[in-house]
Protein backbone atom coordinates (compact mmCIF):
# COMPACT_ATOMS: atom_id res chain seq x y z
CA MET A 1 -14.63 17.09 -10.14
CA LYS A 2 -14.64 16.79 -6.36
CA ASN A 3 -14.46 12.99 -6.60
CA ILE A 4 -11.39 13.16 -8.84
CA VAL A 5 -9.58 15.41 -6.37
CA LEU A 6 -10.47 13.09 -3.48
CA VAL A 7 -9.24 10.05 -5.45
CA VAL A 8 -5.92 11.79 -6.12
CA LEU A 9 -5.55 12.76 -2.44
CA GLN A 10 -6.39 9.23 -1.30
CA LEU A 11 -3.96 7.84 -3.88
CA ILE A 12 -1.19 10.04 -2.46
CA LEU A 13 -2.11 9.01 1.09
CA PHE A 14 -2.08 5.31 0.19
CA LEU A 15 1.29 5.67 -1.58
CA LEU A 16 2.79 7.47 1.42
CA VAL A 17 1.59 4.78 3.82
CA PHE A 18 2.85 2.02 1.49
CA GLY A 19 6.24 3.69 1.09
CA ILE A 20 6.77 4.57 4.74
CA GLY A 21 5.59 1.14 5.87
CA SER A 22 8.06 -0.46 3.47
CA LEU A 23 11.00 1.69 4.55
CA LEU A 24 10.29 1.62 8.30
CA PRO A 25 8.57 -1.75 8.82
CA PRO A 26 6.80 -1.83 12.20
CA PHE A 27 5.84 -5.53 12.06
CA HIS A 28 8.92 -6.94 10.24
CA ILE A 29 6.89 -9.27 8.05
CA GLU A 30 9.31 -10.46 5.37
CA HIS A 31 8.93 -13.04 2.61
CA VAL A 32 11.99 -14.46 0.86
CA LEU A 33 11.34 -14.40 -2.88
CA SER A 34 14.59 -15.86 -4.16
CA THR A 35 18.01 -16.81 -2.91
CA THR A 36 21.29 -17.00 -4.79
CA PRO A 37 24.81 -17.50 -3.47
CA THR A 38 25.47 -13.75 -3.75
CA SER A 39 22.15 -12.19 -2.72
CA THR A 40 18.69 -12.69 -1.26
CA ARG A 41 15.56 -11.03 -2.64
CA ILE A 42 12.98 -10.15 0.05
CA PHE A 43 9.51 -8.58 0.04
CA ILE A 44 8.59 -6.55 3.14
CA ALA A 45 4.80 -6.75 3.47
CA ASP A 46 4.33 -4.16 6.24
CA GLY A 47 3.57 -1.25 3.90
CA LEU A 48 1.00 -3.26 1.98
CA ILE A 49 -0.69 -4.38 5.20
CA LEU A 50 -0.79 -0.83 6.59
CA MET A 51 -2.23 0.42 3.31
CA PHE A 52 -4.96 -2.25 3.45
CA VAL A 53 -5.80 -1.34 7.08
CA LEU A 54 -6.11 2.32 6.03
CA TYR A 55 -8.41 1.24 3.16
CA LEU A 56 -10.63 -0.70 5.57
CA LEU A 57 -10.72 2.30 7.92
CA LEU A 58 -11.83 4.62 5.10
CA ILE A 59 -14.51 2.13 4.01
CA LEU A 60 -15.71 1.85 7.62
CA ILE A 61 -15.97 5.63 7.88
CA ALA A 62 -17.96 5.72 4.63
CA ALA A 63 -20.28 3.00 5.95
CA LEU A 64 -20.86 4.85 9.20
CA ARG A 65 -21.69 8.02 7.26
CA LYS A 66 -24.06 5.98 5.04
CA ARG A 67 -22.09 7.04 1.95
CA LEU A 68 -20.81 3.58 1.08
CA GLY A 69 -22.40 3.45 -2.37
CA VAL A 70 -20.93 6.81 -3.35
CA SER A 71 -17.43 6.77 -1.88
CA ALA A 72 -16.49 3.07 -1.78
CA PRO A 73 -15.87 2.73 -5.55
CA TRP A 74 -13.67 5.84 -5.57
CA THR A 75 -11.72 4.68 -2.52
CA THR A 76 -11.28 1.25 -4.09
CA LEU A 77 -10.01 2.85 -7.29
CA ALA A 78 -7.47 4.90 -5.32
CA PHE A 79 -6.38 1.78 -3.40
CA VAL A 80 -5.89 -0.31 -6.55
CA LEU A 81 -4.01 2.48 -8.33
CA ALA A 82 -1.77 3.04 -5.30
CA ALA A 83 -1.00 -0.67 -5.05
CA ALA A 84 -0.17 -0.83 -8.76
CA LEU A 85 2.02 2.28 -8.59
CA GLY A 86 3.68 1.08 -5.40
CA PHE A 87 4.59 -2.26 -6.95
CA ALA A 88 5.80 -0.48 -10.09
CA MET A 89 8.04 1.70 -7.90
CA LYS A 90 9.18 -1.52 -6.16
CA PHE A 91 8.01 -0.52 -2.68
CA GLY A 92 8.73 -3.32 -0.24
CA PHE A 93 11.28 -5.14 -2.38
CA LEU A 94 14.74 -5.51 -0.88
CA THR A 95 17.93 -7.18 -2.07
CA ARG A 96 20.46 -8.20 0.56
CA SER A 97 23.93 -8.87 -0.77
CA ALA A 98 26.20 -11.50 0.78
CA PHE A 99 29.20 -9.19 0.34
């Protein structure tokens, strides 16, 4: 039961970092996905990068505490679910109109 609660809390933390990093990009890493005469579709990768750095930090903490075998699968599950939910909510995707 404790693991489920921690997965949900990590999932929320990952989603917050992904969302905030997408809305307020600190690194301004943008990839143009498609261009039309009226608009440009862009993916801002900052939120995804920040979320991955947070994941690595949590895995490093688990390794230092010698709990890698116990907590790493749960943290990985929270990371994958947060990435899937973030992409489903279209975090990081931006459309710039020419008008």
